[in-house]
Amino acid sequence: MTRLADLADLVRAPAALSVPGDVLSGAAAAGALGPRTPALAGASVLLYWAGMAANDWADRRLDAVERPERPIPSGRVRPSVALGVASGLTAAGLAVATAAGGRRAAAAALPLAATIWGYDLRAKNTAAGPAVMAACRGLDVLLGASGGRVVRALPAAITVAAHTWTVTALSRREVTGADRRLPGLTLAGTALIALATPARPTQPATGRGGSSRAARLGDLVPAVLAAGYATRYGRAQARVLADPSPGRVRAAVGAGITGLPALQGALTARAGARMLGLAVAGAAPLGRRLARLISPT
């Protein structure tokens, strides 16, 4: 019998804390925050877990050489079980998204699911891999925006996608280590992302309210969250620059995954939902603690 702990390891359960913020930042930007948003976030988590299970199923022979401790090569999860989990979670994610958001949500969830499987089965080990994974995260943001003015969520989707590209590009060197050019490039990208994120959108999706002083103080929230994101993730990449060994690269990838909620929180706060943005960012320290139990990479 497959244990629940082994399934949690298969889908890298704690890493899912980085997922709801995609939907929330997209919904906030599009003016679509509402009763359906939590269900769409749940659908996003199901699709994320499906992708992780499909990833391990697709990589089972490679993992037998490079990561024999993973659930499939170690014998803790049978390949057929992993494939069944991936398929079942995909179907569940699509069903939840459609039930919650109707045709508009389904129109975002279907290409998201297809892109996830396309990455795992074909694109991952090609030059297009980072771009395809970035597209997955961008589509996830647009899933949250599906109930509102989607065009307003495009800057948030591009921002999350750009961050995802940096993490995915680094993750391809987790086993072999990296040359110093790659972390230099991703670190520069992280700095640009952090600088651009706090910029106030021309048409905020939610009202600001309150006095002008309170509004000015509120405008500091996305800047502070973006700075926190850049500091933690940037520091991990700087360590790779100094020592591009596999261990340092894996640590940077983990920092990129667990630090994403801070970026998502900044984007959510930028759209006017400041308290929600702080709540989203609060998943970052929790994710770091849980990552000590189950690796997010």
Protein backbone atom coordinates (compact mmCIF):
# COMPACT_ATOMS: atom_id res chain seq x y z
CA MET A 1 0.00 0.00 0.00
CA THR A 2 1.24 3.47 -0.91
CA ARG A 3 1.48 5.66 2.16
CA LEU A 4 0.00 9.15 2.27
CA ALA A 5 3.45 10.52 3.17
CA ASP A 6 4.88 9.01 -0.02
CA LEU A 7 2.13 10.59 -2.12
CA ALA A 8 2.85 13.94 -0.43
CA ASP A 9 6.49 13.51 -1.41
CA LEU A 10 5.48 12.57 -4.96
CA VAL A 11 3.48 15.77 -5.48
CA ARG A 12 5.85 17.87 -3.35
CA ALA A 13 2.87 18.92 -1.26
CA PRO A 14 4.38 21.95 0.56
CA ALA A 15 5.33 23.60 -2.75
CA ALA A 16 1.60 24.02 -3.41
CA LEU A 17 1.68 26.96 -0.98
CA SER A 18 3.21 28.89 -3.87
CA VAL A 19 0.17 28.25 -6.08
CA PRO A 20 -2.97 30.02 -4.69
CA GLY A 21 -1.20 33.37 -4.93
CA ASP A 22 -1.21 33.04 -8.71
CA VAL A 23 -4.99 32.93 -8.78
CA LEU A 24 -5.40 35.60 -6.09
CA SER A 25 -3.04 38.05 -7.79
CA GLY A 26 -4.81 37.52 -11.10
CA ALA A 27 -8.25 37.93 -9.56
CA ALA A 28 -7.20 41.09 -7.72
CA ALA A 29 -5.74 42.64 -10.85
CA ALA A 30 -8.82 41.79 -12.93
CA GLY A 31 -11.30 42.98 -10.31
CA ALA A 32 -12.61 39.43 -9.98
CA LEU A 33 -12.06 38.64 -6.30
CA GLY A 34 -15.20 36.96 -5.04
CA PRO A 35 -16.80 33.76 -3.72
CA ARG A 36 -15.48 31.72 -6.66
CA THR A 37 -11.86 32.69 -6.13
CA PRO A 38 -11.04 30.12 -3.39
CA ALA A 39 -12.42 27.29 -5.53
CA LEU A 40 -10.31 28.43 -8.49
CA ALA A 41 -7.28 28.51 -6.19
CA GLY A 42 -8.11 24.95 -5.14
CA ALA A 43 -8.35 23.88 -8.78
CA SER A 44 -4.95 25.45 -9.37
CA VAL A 45 -3.43 23.43 -6.53
CA LEU A 46 -4.90 20.20 -7.93
CA LEU A 47 -3.41 20.91 -11.35
CA TYR A 48 -0.05 21.77 -9.76
CA TRP A 49 0.03 18.49 -7.85
CA ALA A 50 -0.96 16.67 -11.04
CA GLY A 51 2.01 18.21 -12.79
CA MET A 52 4.38 17.15 -10.05
CA ALA A 53 3.15 13.54 -10.17
CA ALA A 54 3.35 13.51 -13.97
CA ASN A 55 6.85 14.95 -13.76
CA ASP A 56 8.06 12.09 -11.58
CA TRP A 57 6.34 9.51 -13.77
CA ALA A 58 7.99 10.96 -16.89
CA ASP A 59 11.40 11.15 -15.14
CA ARG A 60 11.26 7.77 -13.42
CA ARG A 61 14.19 6.25 -15.38
CA LEU A 62 16.34 9.37 -15.10
CA ASP A 63 15.57 9.66 -11.38
CA ALA A 64 16.69 6.04 -10.90
CA VAL A 65 20.18 7.30 -11.79
CA GLU A 66 20.22 10.88 -10.51
CA ARG A 67 17.70 10.85 -7.64
CA PRO A 68 17.14 7.27 -6.49
CA GLU A 69 15.57 8.55 -3.26
CA ARG A 70 12.50 9.89 -5.13
CA PRO A 71 9.25 7.96 -4.52
CA ILE A 72 9.14 6.00 -7.81
CA PRO A 73 12.76 4.78 -8.13
CA SER A 74 12.91 4.03 -4.41
CA GLY A 75 9.90 1.72 -4.79
CA ARG A 76 7.66 3.69 -2.45
CA VAL A 77 5.23 4.59 -5.26
CA ARG A 78 4.57 2.40 -8.30
CA PRO A 79 4.73 4.13 -11.71
CA SER A 80 1.15 3.17 -12.45
CA VAL A 81 0.03 4.79 -9.20
CA ALA A 82 1.90 8.00 -10.03
CA LEU A 83 0.32 8.15 -13.48
CA GLY A 84 -3.11 7.49 -12.00
CA VAL A 85 -2.61 10.23 -9.41
CA ALA A 86 -1.53 12.69 -12.10
CA SER A 87 -4.49 11.87 -14.32
CA GLY A 88 -7.01 11.93 -11.48
CA LEU A 89 -5.76 15.24 -10.11
CA THR A 90 -5.88 16.77 -13.58
CA ALA A 91 -9.49 15.69 -14.07
CA ALA A 92 -10.39 16.95 -10.60
CA GLY A 93 -8.71 20.32 -11.19
CA LEU A 94 -10.53 20.84 -14.47
CA ALA A 95 -13.85 19.83 -12.91
CA VAL A 96 -13.45 22.18 -9.96
CA ALA A 97 -12.42 25.10 -12.17
CA THR A 98 -15.37 24.57 -14.49
CA ALA A 99 -17.84 24.16 -11.65
CA ALA A 100 -16.59 27.32 -9.96
CA GLY A 101 -16.01 29.62 -12.91
CA GLY A 102 -17.98 28.18 -15.81
CA ARG A 103 -16.83 28.42 -19.41
CA ARG A 104 -14.47 31.32 -18.83
CA ALA A 105 -12.56 29.43 -16.16
CA ALA A 106 -12.55 26.27 -18.26
CA ALA A 107 -11.12 28.28 -21.15
CA ALA A 108 -8.12 29.09 -18.92
CA ALA A 109 -7.87 25.75 -17.09
CA LEU A 110 -7.81 23.55 -20.21
CA PRO A 111 -4.76 25.18 -21.84
CA LEU A 112 -3.12 25.32 -18.41
CA ALA A 113 -3.53 21.56 -17.96
CA ALA A 114 -2.35 20.90 -21.51
CA THR A 115 0.74 23.07 -21.00
CA ILE A 116 1.57 21.31 -17.72
CA TRP A 117 1.46 17.89 -19.39
CA GLY A 118 3.29 19.22 -22.43
CA TYR A 119 6.10 20.43 -20.20
CA ASP A 120 6.38 17.12 -18.32
CA LEU A 121 6.20 14.85 -21.36
CA ARG A 122 8.02 16.81 -24.07
CA ALA A 123 9.36 20.28 -23.34
CA LYS A 124 11.12 19.84 -20.01
CA ASN A 125 14.45 18.64 -21.35
CA THR A 126 14.49 20.96 -24.35
CA ALA A 127 15.63 24.55 -24.73
CA ALA A 128 11.96 25.56 -24.58
CA GLY A 129 11.51 24.08 -21.09
CA PRO A 130 11.83 27.27 -18.99
CA ALA A 131 9.54 29.19 -21.34
CA VAL A 132 6.87 26.47 -21.24
CA MET A 133 6.97 26.31 -17.44
CA ALA A 134 6.76 30.11 -17.34
CA ALA A 135 3.66 29.86 -19.53
CA CYS A 136 2.11 27.46 -17.00
CA ARG A 137 2.42 30.02 -14.22
CA GLY A 138 1.22 32.85 -16.42
CA LEU A 139 -1.87 30.86 -17.38
CA ASP A 140 -2.44 30.12 -13.70
CA VAL A 141 -2.62 33.85 -12.98
CA LEU A 142 -5.09 34.26 -15.85
CA LEU A 143 -7.21 31.46 -14.41
CA GLY A 144 -7.77 33.68 -11.39
CA ALA A 145 -8.58 36.60 -13.67
CA SER A 146 -11.06 34.61 -15.77
CA GLY A 147 -14.09 36.10 -14.01
CA GLY A 148 -13.09 39.72 -14.62
CA ARG A 149 -11.20 41.96 -17.03
CA VAL A 150 -8.45 39.57 -18.00
CA VAL A 151 -6.37 42.17 -19.83
CA ARG A 152 -5.71 43.95 -16.53
CA ALA A 153 -4.09 40.80 -15.17
CA LEU A 154 -1.58 40.47 -18.02
CA PRO A 155 1.18 42.45 -16.22
CA ALA A 156 0.83 40.21 -13.16
CA ALA A 157 0.86 37.10 -15.35
CA ILE A 158 4.01 38.26 -17.15
CA THR A 159 5.71 39.06 -13.84
CA VAL A 160 5.00 35.63 -12.34
CA ALA A 161 6.03 33.99 -15.62
CA ALA A 162 9.33 35.87 -15.65
CA HIS A 163 10.10 34.74 -12.10
CA THR A 164 9.21 31.17 -13.05
CA TRP A 165 11.61 31.29 -15.96
CA THR A 166 14.48 32.12 -13.60
CA VAL A 167 13.61 29.27 -11.23
CA THR A 168 13.18 26.73 -14.03
CA ALA A 169 16.40 27.75 -15.73
CA LEU A 170 18.27 27.19 -12.47
CA SER A 171 16.47 23.90 -11.77
CA ARG A 172 17.96 22.39 -14.92
CA ARG A 173 21.36 22.57 -13.20
CA GLU A 174 20.37 21.05 -9.86
CA VAL A 175 22.30 17.84 -10.50
CA THR A 176 25.28 19.06 -12.52
CA GLY A 177 25.83 22.51 -11.06
CA ALA A 178 25.90 25.73 -13.08
CA ASP A 179 28.42 28.04 -14.63
CA ARG A 180 28.41 31.56 -13.21
CA ARG A 181 26.75 33.08 -16.26
CA LEU A 182 23.36 31.48 -15.50
CA PRO A 183 22.94 32.73 -11.90
CA GLY A 184 24.19 36.12 -13.05
CA LEU A 185 21.41 36.23 -15.62
CA THR A 186 18.69 35.00 -13.26
CA LEU A 187 19.82 37.37 -10.51
CA ALA A 188 19.57 40.31 -12.90
CA GLY A 189 16.09 39.14 -13.86
CA THR A 190 15.06 38.93 -10.21
CA ALA A 191 16.25 42.50 -9.61
CA LEU A 192 14.25 43.79 -12.57
CA ILE A 193 11.14 41.91 -11.45
CA ALA A 194 11.39 43.31 -7.93
CA LEU A 195 11.88 46.86 -9.20
CA ALA A 196 8.92 46.70 -11.59
CA THR A 197 6.44 44.94 -9.28
CA PRO A 198 5.54 47.79 -6.88
CA ALA A 199 4.68 50.19 -9.74
CA ARG A 200 1.07 51.30 -9.39
CA PRO A 201 -1.16 50.12 -12.26
CA THR A 202 -2.87 52.86 -14.24
CA GLN A 203 -6.31 51.39 -13.53
CA PRO A 204 -6.36 49.59 -10.18
CA ALA A 205 -8.81 46.73 -10.05
CA THR A 206 -9.97 47.52 -6.52
CA GLY A 207 -10.70 50.75 -4.72
CA ARG A 208 -8.12 52.26 -2.41
CA GLY A 209 -10.37 54.18 -0.06
CA GLY A 210 -9.35 55.96 3.11
CA SER A 211 -7.30 59.12 3.48
CA SER A 212 -4.47 60.07 1.16
CA ARG A 213 -2.00 59.42 3.98
CA ALA A 214 -3.38 55.94 4.50
CA ALA A 215 -3.23 55.38 0.76
CA ARG A 216 0.42 56.43 0.68
CA LEU A 217 1.22 54.07 3.54
CA GLY A 218 -0.68 51.34 1.76
CA ASP A 219 1.41 51.91 -1.33
CA LEU A 220 4.45 50.84 0.70
CA VAL A 221 3.07 47.31 1.11
CA PRO A 222 3.88 46.05 -2.41
CA ALA A 223 7.31 47.72 -2.26
CA VAL A 224 8.16 46.06 1.06
CA LEU A 225 6.95 42.65 -0.11
CA ALA A 226 8.85 42.95 -3.40
CA ALA A 227 11.99 43.91 -1.49
CA GLY A 228 11.62 40.89 0.77
CA TYR A 229 11.18 38.63 -2.25
CA ALA A 230 14.27 40.05 -3.94
CA THR A 231 16.40 39.86 -0.80
CA ARG A 232 15.77 36.21 0.01
CA TYR A 233 15.75 34.83 -3.52
CA GLY A 234 18.54 37.15 -4.64
CA ARG A 235 20.76 36.13 -1.74
CA ALA A 236 20.38 32.46 -2.68
CA GLN A 237 21.34 33.22 -6.29
CA ALA A 238 24.31 35.28 -5.15
CA ARG A 239 25.57 32.20 -3.28
CA VAL A 240 25.38 30.26 -6.56
CA LEU A 241 27.49 32.95 -8.18
CA ALA A 242 30.12 32.41 -5.51
CA ASP A 243 29.84 28.61 -5.59
CA PRO A 244 27.84 27.14 -8.51
CA SER A 245 27.73 23.64 -7.02
CA PRO A 246 24.61 21.44 -7.26
CA GLY A 247 23.76 21.96 -3.59
CA ARG A 248 23.81 25.74 -3.92
CA VAL A 249 21.73 25.56 -7.10
CA ARG A 250 19.11 23.36 -5.38
CA ALA A 251 18.99 25.82 -2.49
CA ALA A 252 18.40 28.70 -4.90
CA VAL A 253 15.64 26.80 -6.67
CA GLY A 254 14.00 26.09 -3.30
CA ALA A 255 14.27 29.77 -2.40
CA GLY A 256 12.64 30.69 -5.69
CA ILE A 257 9.73 28.33 -5.08
CA THR A 258 9.11 29.17 -1.44
CA GLY A 259 9.72 32.88 -2.01
CA LEU A 260 7.13 33.23 -4.78
CA PRO A 261 4.25 34.04 -2.38
CA ALA A 262 6.03 37.27 -1.42
CA LEU A 263 6.03 38.32 -5.07
CA GLN A 264 2.41 37.25 -5.52
CA GLY A 265 1.52 39.17 -2.37
CA ALA A 266 3.18 42.29 -3.76
CA LEU A 267 1.18 41.96 -6.98
CA THR A 268 -2.06 41.43 -5.05
CA ALA A 269 -1.38 44.44 -2.84
CA ARG A 270 -0.48 46.53 -5.89
CA ALA A 271 -3.98 45.90 -7.24
CA GLY A 272 -5.43 47.41 -4.07
CA ALA A 273 -6.04 44.27 -1.98
CA ARG A 274 -3.36 45.09 0.58
CA MET A 275 -4.48 42.87 3.46
CA LEU A 276 -4.97 39.95 1.11
CA GLY A 277 -1.53 40.61 -0.31
CA LEU A 278 -0.02 40.38 3.15
CA ALA A 279 -1.91 37.13 3.75
CA VAL A 280 -0.61 35.68 0.48
CA ALA A 281 2.95 36.66 1.37
CA GLY A 282 2.51 34.95 4.73
CA ALA A 283 2.66 31.59 2.94
CA ALA A 284 6.38 32.15 2.22
CA PRO A 285 7.77 31.51 5.74
CA LEU A 286 5.38 28.58 6.21
CA GLY A 287 6.55 27.09 2.93
CA ARG A 288 10.17 27.40 4.02
CA ARG A 289 9.45 25.50 7.22
CA LEU A 290 7.60 22.72 5.43
CA ALA A 291 10.36 22.49 2.83
CA ARG A 292 12.61 21.15 5.56
CA LEU A 293 10.31 18.12 5.75
CA ILE A 294 9.57 17.58 2.04
CA SER A 295 11.81 19.05 -0.65
CA PRO A 296 9.94 21.41 -3.02
CA THR A 297 12.36 20.66 -5.88
